[in-house]
Amino acid sequence: MAKFHSIKVADIYKTTKDCSVITFDIPVDLKEEFQFTQGQHLTVRANINGKDERRSYSLCSSPMENKWQVAVKKISDGVFSTFVNDTLKKGDSLDLIAPHGAFHTPVNQKQSKNYIAFAAGSGITPILSIIKTHLAAEPNSTFKLFYLNRTVKSIIFKEEIEQLKNKYFGRFEIFHFLTKEHRSIELLNGRFTKEKLQILTDKIIDIPSTDDCFICGPEQMIYLLRDELTAAGLPAEKIHFELFNTGTSEEDKKRISKIVEKKVEGTEVTIIDGGKEFHFIMDEAYDNILDSAIAAGADLPFACKGGVCSTCRCKIVEGTAEMKVNYALDATEVAKNYTLSCQAVPTSKKIVVDFGG
């Protein structure tokens, strides 16, 4: 069963006109369960207009602050983000699943590392948690942040970032890139491009001394940065990224169509969750395990349903399945038979998946 807990909103405020920061009041008896690592996220659930709505939001607070905080940016036609920004208030309650996610590297107080990070818009949320944690826990480490926004007023956590710059003077540098306002330094005008990244890696980023890079933003930006940084000499294993939204390209649509064609009709599915088993036959109306399981009455954890957040991650114990898209699991996890149930198309007559594996 999905472990949702009803948690009160301790505080909510605007960091920009269209972005609200929520602080949750985690009860003492749940604090151990809700302990988190920098870069992880919460699955949040609310009943909005009579419908169960779920989203995944990265924690922007550091675990060292003993605070659970997320930022929710209002997006056009976004049901949940509109509810948070226009309706939610202090004292209300939301249902939460304990933090999870793998967008982080270990903290070591004795180590001295040089980190770089790239973020766009609300992609700053997990990055901020990561920056605050490493700077506080590793006194000899440094961070360079390259942050893309439309305008100065749209910069989420602008004041907090400036305070961090002052607090960790000489160890934390921030470079603001704007797309809708002109900066006096030409390099800082507009989006990240191949040419700009070549300048950054030549003059600002010392690739040989860079230990880890964190990236959070749209898919196209992430892959551009990944490719250019590896071309500049940064090993791929040092580049960690997380998508906060994604679209489906025409190439992806064609690949997905071929995977769906492999679906075996009438697959016998066994769900193992918390030691209990749930059995059903795949409904022909659904092509993935998660949707079919929910339609059959299973109560499983999920959030984005886009292959991004990994909330619905499970392990294939028996049988086979192919994922339509995968933006959350790395090659090691896939090799160990982990899959995203929201994207898993069964390709065998019987499949057993474990949500606790």
Protein backbone atom coordinates (compact mmCIF):
# COMPACT_ATOMS: atom_id res chain seq x y z
CA MET A 1 0.00 0.00 0.00
CA ALA A 2 1.14 3.55 -0.71
CA LYS A 3 2.20 5.16 2.57
CA PHE A 4 0.58 8.57 2.47
CA HIS A 5 0.49 10.71 5.61
CA SER A 6 -1.73 13.74 6.16
CA ILE A 7 0.67 16.62 6.92
CA LYS A 8 -0.22 20.19 7.88
CA VAL A 9 1.13 23.22 6.06
CA ALA A 10 3.21 25.10 8.65
CA ASP A 11 3.78 28.07 6.34
CA ILE A 12 3.34 29.16 2.74
CA TYR A 13 4.76 32.27 1.08
CA LYS A 14 5.58 33.65 -2.37
CA THR A 15 9.20 33.69 -3.50
CA THR A 16 8.07 35.17 -6.86
CA LYS A 17 4.60 36.23 -8.01
CA ASP A 18 3.97 32.76 -9.49
CA CYS A 19 5.92 30.50 -7.14
CA SER A 20 4.92 29.47 -3.62
CA VAL A 21 7.17 27.92 -0.99
CA ILE A 22 5.47 25.41 1.33
CA THR A 23 6.89 24.40 4.70
CA PHE A 24 5.44 21.18 6.10
CA ASP A 25 4.90 20.50 9.80
CA ILE A 26 6.24 16.96 10.07
CA PRO A 27 5.06 15.39 13.37
CA VAL A 28 7.72 14.17 15.78
CA ASP A 29 6.65 10.54 15.36
CA LEU A 30 7.18 10.77 11.56
CA LYS A 31 10.46 12.67 11.48
CA GLU A 32 12.55 9.52 11.30
CA GLU A 33 10.51 8.18 8.37
CA PHE A 34 10.70 11.57 6.65
CA GLN A 35 14.48 12.01 7.00
CA PHE A 36 15.87 12.87 3.60
CA THR A 37 19.01 13.33 1.56
CA GLN A 38 19.71 16.55 -0.32
CA GLY A 39 18.19 16.47 -3.82
CA GLN A 40 15.31 14.12 -2.96
CA HIS A 41 11.63 14.87 -3.55
CA LEU A 42 8.20 14.43 -1.98
CA THR A 43 5.12 12.93 -3.60
CA VAL A 44 2.20 15.20 -2.74
CA ARG A 45 -1.50 14.33 -3.03
CA ALA A 46 -4.65 16.42 -2.75
CA ASN A 47 -8.30 16.11 -3.68
CA ILE A 48 -8.90 18.96 -6.13
CA ASN A 49 -12.40 19.40 -7.54
CA GLY A 50 -13.26 15.85 -6.53
CA LYS A 51 -10.26 14.30 -8.26
CA ASP A 52 -7.16 12.62 -6.80
CA GLU A 53 -4.23 14.76 -7.99
CA ARG A 54 -0.60 13.82 -7.33
CA ARG A 55 2.66 15.57 -8.09
CA SER A 56 6.32 15.18 -7.22
CA TYR A 57 8.17 18.23 -5.85
CA SER A 58 11.85 18.46 -4.94
CA LEU A 59 12.78 19.54 -1.44
CA CYS A 60 14.57 22.88 -1.56
CA SER A 61 15.56 22.76 2.11
CA SER A 62 18.67 21.03 3.40
CA PRO A 63 18.36 18.01 5.72
CA MET A 64 20.76 19.89 8.00
CA GLU A 65 18.06 22.55 8.51
CA ASN A 66 15.60 20.03 9.98
CA LYS A 67 13.00 21.56 7.67
CA TRP A 68 10.78 20.11 4.93
CA GLN A 69 10.17 22.72 2.23
CA VAL A 70 9.17 22.61 -1.44
CA ALA A 71 8.63 25.32 -4.05
CA VAL A 72 5.71 25.07 -6.48
CA LYS A 73 5.76 27.22 -9.59
CA LYS A 74 2.39 27.97 -11.17
CA ILE A 75 2.20 26.71 -14.73
CA SER A 76 -0.41 27.30 -17.41
CA ASP A 77 -3.32 24.86 -17.00
CA GLY A 78 -1.49 23.22 -14.08
CA VAL A 79 -4.21 21.89 -11.78
CA PHE A 80 -2.00 21.20 -8.78
CA SER A 81 0.30 24.21 -9.13
CA THR A 82 -2.70 26.54 -9.51
CA PHE A 83 -4.30 25.04 -6.40
CA VAL A 84 -1.10 25.58 -4.38
CA ASN A 85 -0.55 29.15 -5.56
CA ASP A 86 -4.17 30.35 -5.46
CA THR A 87 -5.96 28.29 -2.80
CA LEU A 88 -3.67 26.47 -0.37
CA LYS A 89 -3.10 28.25 2.95
CA LYS A 90 -1.31 27.82 6.25
CA GLY A 91 -3.05 25.21 8.42
CA ASP A 92 -4.36 23.17 5.48
CA SER A 93 -3.22 19.58 5.05
CA LEU A 94 -1.77 17.65 2.14
CA ASP A 95 -1.02 13.94 1.83
CA LEU A 96 2.69 13.12 1.53
CA ILE A 97 4.81 10.07 0.85
CA ALA A 98 8.20 10.12 2.62
CA PRO A 99 11.08 11.65 0.58
CA HIS A 100 12.80 9.55 -2.06
CA GLY A 101 15.04 9.95 -5.08
CA ALA A 102 18.68 9.44 -6.10
CA PHE A 103 19.73 12.91 -7.31
CA HIS A 104 22.66 13.31 -4.92
CA THR A 105 26.19 12.29 -4.04
CA PRO A 106 27.52 11.39 -0.57
CA VAL A 107 28.56 14.15 1.84
CA ASN A 108 31.92 13.84 3.57
CA GLN A 109 33.05 16.50 6.04
CA LYS A 110 36.70 15.62 5.47
CA GLN A 111 36.67 15.97 1.71
CA SER A 112 37.44 19.03 -0.37
CA LYS A 113 35.50 19.08 -3.65
CA ASN A 114 34.75 21.54 -6.43
CA TYR A 115 31.13 21.32 -7.59
CA ILE A 116 29.30 22.99 -10.45
CA ALA A 117 25.54 23.17 -11.02
CA PHE A 118 23.21 24.28 -13.80
CA ALA A 119 19.52 25.04 -13.24
CA ALA A 120 16.65 26.60 -15.15
CA GLY A 121 13.62 28.16 -13.43
CA SER A 122 12.09 25.86 -10.83
CA GLY A 123 14.90 23.39 -11.49
CA ILE A 124 16.71 25.32 -8.75
CA THR A 125 14.77 23.50 -6.01
CA PRO A 126 16.84 20.28 -5.67
CA ILE A 127 19.99 22.19 -6.64
CA LEU A 128 19.48 24.62 -3.75
CA SER A 129 19.16 21.72 -1.30
CA ILE A 130 22.34 20.18 -2.68
CA ILE A 131 24.30 23.45 -2.56
CA LYS A 132 23.27 24.30 1.00
CA THR A 133 24.10 20.83 2.25
CA HIS A 134 27.55 20.46 0.69
CA LEU A 135 28.68 23.99 1.58
CA ALA A 136 27.59 23.55 5.21
CA ALA A 137 28.88 20.00 5.67
CA GLU A 138 32.11 20.26 3.67
CA PRO A 139 34.00 23.38 4.88
CA ASN A 140 36.63 23.12 2.15
CA SER A 141 34.34 22.48 -0.83
CA THR A 142 33.29 25.07 -3.45
CA PHE A 143 30.25 25.54 -5.69
CA LYS A 144 29.64 27.42 -8.94
CA LEU A 145 25.97 27.85 -9.92
CA PHE A 146 24.84 28.78 -13.45
CA TYR A 147 21.16 29.71 -13.18
CA LEU A 148 18.87 30.46 -16.15
CA ASN A 149 15.66 32.53 -15.82
CA ARG A 150 13.51 34.90 -17.88
CA THR A 151 13.90 38.07 -15.80
CA VAL A 152 15.40 39.17 -12.49
CA LYS A 153 11.93 39.18 -10.89
CA SER A 154 11.34 35.57 -11.96
CA ILE A 155 14.43 34.26 -10.14
CA ILE A 156 13.20 31.79 -7.54
CA PHE A 157 15.02 32.09 -4.19
CA LYS A 158 17.00 35.09 -5.43
CA GLU A 159 17.46 36.57 -1.93
CA GLU A 160 18.34 33.24 -0.33
CA ILE A 161 20.92 32.54 -3.03
CA GLU A 162 22.49 35.97 -2.46
CA GLN A 163 22.59 35.29 1.28
CA LEU A 164 24.39 32.01 0.59
CA LYS A 165 26.88 33.86 -1.60
CA ASN A 166 27.64 36.24 1.30
CA LYS A 167 27.73 33.46 3.89
CA TYR A 168 30.13 31.34 1.86
CA PHE A 169 32.09 34.17 0.27
CA GLY A 170 34.93 32.80 -1.82
CA ARG A 171 33.40 29.31 -1.88
CA PHE A 172 30.12 29.95 -3.70
CA GLU A 173 29.79 31.79 -7.02
CA ILE A 174 26.54 32.51 -8.86
CA PHE A 175 26.13 33.37 -12.56
CA HIS A 176 22.62 34.54 -13.55
CA PHE A 177 21.59 34.03 -17.20
CA LEU A 178 18.46 35.88 -18.40
CA THR A 179 16.39 35.35 -21.55
CA LYS A 180 14.01 38.35 -21.40
CA GLU A 181 16.23 41.06 -19.91
CA HIS A 182 19.52 42.41 -21.18
CA ARG A 183 22.67 41.91 -19.12
CA SER A 184 25.77 44.08 -19.49
CA ILE A 185 27.88 40.94 -19.94
CA GLU A 186 26.92 39.38 -23.27
CA LEU A 187 27.73 35.85 -22.09
CA LEU A 188 24.88 36.08 -19.57
CA ASN A 189 22.21 36.94 -22.14
CA GLY A 190 19.97 34.11 -23.35
CA ARG A 191 19.92 30.36 -22.98
CA PHE A 192 22.84 27.99 -22.67
CA THR A 193 24.35 27.23 -26.06
CA LYS A 194 27.28 25.20 -27.33
CA GLU A 195 29.26 28.40 -27.87
CA LYS A 196 28.56 29.71 -24.36
CA LEU A 197 29.51 26.41 -22.77
CA GLN A 198 32.81 26.45 -24.64
CA ILE A 199 33.51 29.88 -23.16
CA LEU A 200 32.50 28.70 -19.68
CA THR A 201 34.74 25.62 -19.83
CA ASP A 202 37.62 27.71 -21.20
CA LYS A 203 37.46 30.64 -18.80
CA ILE A 204 35.25 29.93 -15.76
CA ILE A 205 34.97 26.19 -15.15
CA ASP A 206 38.18 24.32 -14.44
CA ILE A 207 37.18 20.93 -15.83
CA PRO A 208 40.17 18.95 -14.48
CA SER A 209 39.45 20.09 -10.91
CA THR A 210 35.65 19.64 -11.13
CA ASP A 211 34.52 16.72 -8.98
CA ASP A 212 30.76 16.64 -9.61
CA CYS A 213 28.19 18.47 -11.75
CA PHE A 214 24.46 18.69 -10.99
CA ILE A 215 21.90 19.70 -13.63
CA CYS A 216 18.15 20.22 -13.30
CA GLY A 217 15.93 21.61 -16.04
CA PRO A 218 14.29 20.72 -19.35
CA GLU A 219 15.45 17.66 -21.28
CA GLN A 220 16.98 19.58 -24.19
CA MET A 221 19.08 21.75 -21.85
CA ILE A 222 20.26 18.77 -19.83
CA TYR A 223 21.46 16.80 -22.82
CA LEU A 224 23.19 19.81 -24.35
CA LEU A 225 25.08 20.43 -21.10
CA ARG A 226 25.91 16.76 -20.66
CA ASP A 227 27.30 16.44 -24.18
CA GLU A 228 29.32 19.65 -24.07
CA LEU A 229 30.76 18.98 -20.62
CA THR A 230 31.83 15.46 -21.55
CA ALA A 231 33.33 16.82 -24.77
CA ALA A 232 35.29 19.29 -22.63
CA GLY A 233 36.71 16.39 -20.62
CA LEU A 234 34.36 15.95 -17.66
CA PRO A 235 33.75 12.20 -17.13
CA ALA A 236 30.10 11.20 -17.67
CA GLU A 237 29.92 9.55 -14.24
CA LYS A 238 30.53 12.94 -12.63
CA ILE A 239 27.44 14.46 -14.29
CA HIS A 240 24.20 14.00 -12.36
CA PHE A 241 20.90 15.30 -13.70
CA GLU A 242 17.19 15.39 -13.02
CA LEU A 243 14.41 16.45 -15.34
CA PHE A 244 11.62 18.61 -13.91
CA ASN A 245 9.48 18.38 -17.03
CA THR A 246 9.68 16.76 -20.41
CA GLY A 247 7.90 16.58 -23.73
CA THR A 248 7.63 13.66 -26.13
CA SER A 249 9.55 14.14 -29.35
CA GLU A 250 8.43 12.69 -32.65
CA GLU A 251 11.34 10.24 -32.48
CA ASP A 252 10.20 9.13 -29.00
CA LYS A 253 6.62 8.71 -30.22
CA LYS A 254 7.77 6.35 -32.97
CA ARG A 255 9.89 4.33 -30.54
CA ILE A 256 7.05 4.18 -28.00
CA SER A 257 4.66 2.97 -30.68
CA LYS A 258 6.98 0.06 -31.48
CA ILE A 259 7.26 -0.88 -27.81
CA VAL A 260 3.49 -0.79 -27.31
CA GLU A 261 3.12 -3.15 -30.29
CA LYS A 262 5.13 -5.71 -28.30
CA LYS A 263 2.54 -5.77 -25.52
CA VAL A 264 1.28 -9.26 -24.76
CA GLU A 265 -2.51 -9.30 -24.41
CA GLY A 266 -3.99 -10.71 -21.22
CA THR A 267 -0.77 -10.74 -19.21
CA GLU A 268 -1.18 -12.16 -15.70
CA VAL A 269 0.22 -9.56 -13.30
CA THR A 270 1.23 -10.06 -9.68
CA ILE A 271 1.97 -6.96 -7.60
CA ILE A 272 3.99 -7.43 -4.41
CA ASP A 273 3.70 -4.47 -2.06
CA GLY A 274 4.48 -4.52 1.64
CA GLY A 275 4.57 -8.33 1.67
CA LYS A 276 1.05 -8.60 0.23
CA GLU A 277 0.17 -9.80 -3.26
CA PHE A 278 -2.36 -8.37 -5.69
CA HIS A 279 -3.29 -10.34 -8.81
CA PHE A 280 -5.05 -9.20 -11.96
CA ILE A 281 -5.15 -9.62 -15.74
CA MET A 282 -3.90 -6.72 -17.85
CA ASP A 283 -6.83 -4.74 -19.26
CA GLU A 284 -6.55 -4.21 -23.00
CA ALA A 285 -7.47 -0.55 -22.45
CA TYR A 286 -4.09 0.10 -20.76
CA ASP A 287 -0.59 -0.44 -22.06
CA ASN A 288 1.36 -0.05 -18.79
CA ILE A 289 1.37 -1.91 -15.49
CA LEU A 290 0.56 1.06 -13.23
CA ASP A 291 -2.60 2.25 -15.00
CA SER A 292 -3.89 -1.27 -15.39
CA ALA A 293 -3.20 -2.06 -11.72
CA ILE A 294 -5.00 1.07 -10.52
CA ALA A 295 -7.97 0.27 -12.76
CA ALA A 296 -8.05 -3.18 -11.16
CA GLY A 297 -8.20 -1.63 -7.68
CA ALA A 298 -4.55 -1.59 -6.54
CA ASP A 299 -3.31 1.28 -4.36
CA LEU A 300 0.22 2.03 -5.60
CA PRO A 301 2.61 4.99 -5.30
CA PHE A 302 2.83 7.28 -8.31
CA ALA A 303 3.12 10.96 -9.13
CA CYS A 304 4.14 12.29 -12.55
CA LYS A 305 3.24 9.29 -14.76
CA GLY A 306 5.82 10.63 -17.19
CA GLY A 307 8.82 8.47 -16.39
CA VAL A 308 10.54 11.34 -14.58
CA CYS A 309 10.03 11.16 -10.82
CA SER A 310 10.61 7.41 -10.09
CA THR A 311 7.81 7.35 -7.47
CA CYS A 312 6.34 4.26 -9.16
CA ARG A 313 9.68 2.40 -9.33
CA CYS A 314 9.47 -1.36 -8.82
CA LYS A 315 11.51 -4.49 -9.53
CA ILE A 316 10.63 -7.16 -12.06
CA VAL A 317 10.88 -10.47 -10.20
CA GLU A 318 9.52 -12.65 -12.98
CA GLY A 319 8.70 -12.00 -16.63
CA THR A 320 9.69 -9.12 -18.89
CA ALA A 321 8.61 -5.59 -19.74
CA GLU A 322 9.93 -2.66 -21.75
CA MET A 323 9.72 0.98 -20.72
CA LYS A 324 8.23 3.49 -23.14
CA VAL A 325 10.42 6.25 -21.69
CA ASN A 326 12.87 6.36 -18.80
CA TYR A 327 14.18 9.63 -17.39
CA ALA A 328 14.63 8.42 -13.82
CA LEU A 329 16.49 5.11 -13.63
CA ASP A 330 20.18 4.76 -14.42
CA ALA A 331 21.76 1.86 -16.31
CA THR A 332 22.74 0.08 -13.09
CA GLU A 333 19.13 0.05 -11.83
CA VAL A 334 17.79 -1.16 -15.17
CA ALA A 335 20.40 -3.93 -15.21
CA LYS A 336 19.06 -5.06 -11.82
CA ASN A 337 15.54 -5.36 -13.35
CA TYR A 338 14.11 -2.16 -11.87
CA THR A 339 11.44 -0.50 -13.97
CA LEU A 340 9.00 2.41 -13.88
CA SER A 341 5.56 0.85 -13.62
CA CYS A 342 3.94 3.87 -15.30
CA GLN A 343 6.05 3.15 -18.39
CA ALA A 344 6.39 -0.64 -18.19
CA VAL A 345 4.71 -2.47 -21.08
CA PRO A 346 4.53 -6.25 -20.33
CA THR A 347 6.15 -8.42 -23.00
CA SER A 348 5.55 -11.78 -21.33
CA LYS A 349 2.40 -13.75 -20.53
CA LYS A 350 3.12 -13.49 -16.81
CA ILE A 351 4.91 -10.79 -14.84
CA VAL A 352 5.64 -10.31 -11.13
CA VAL A 353 6.77 -6.90 -9.85
CA ASP A 354 7.82 -5.94 -6.32
CA PHE A 355 7.27 -2.35 -5.13
CA GLY A 356 9.34 -2.98 -2.02
CA GLY A 357 12.31 -4.47 -3.83
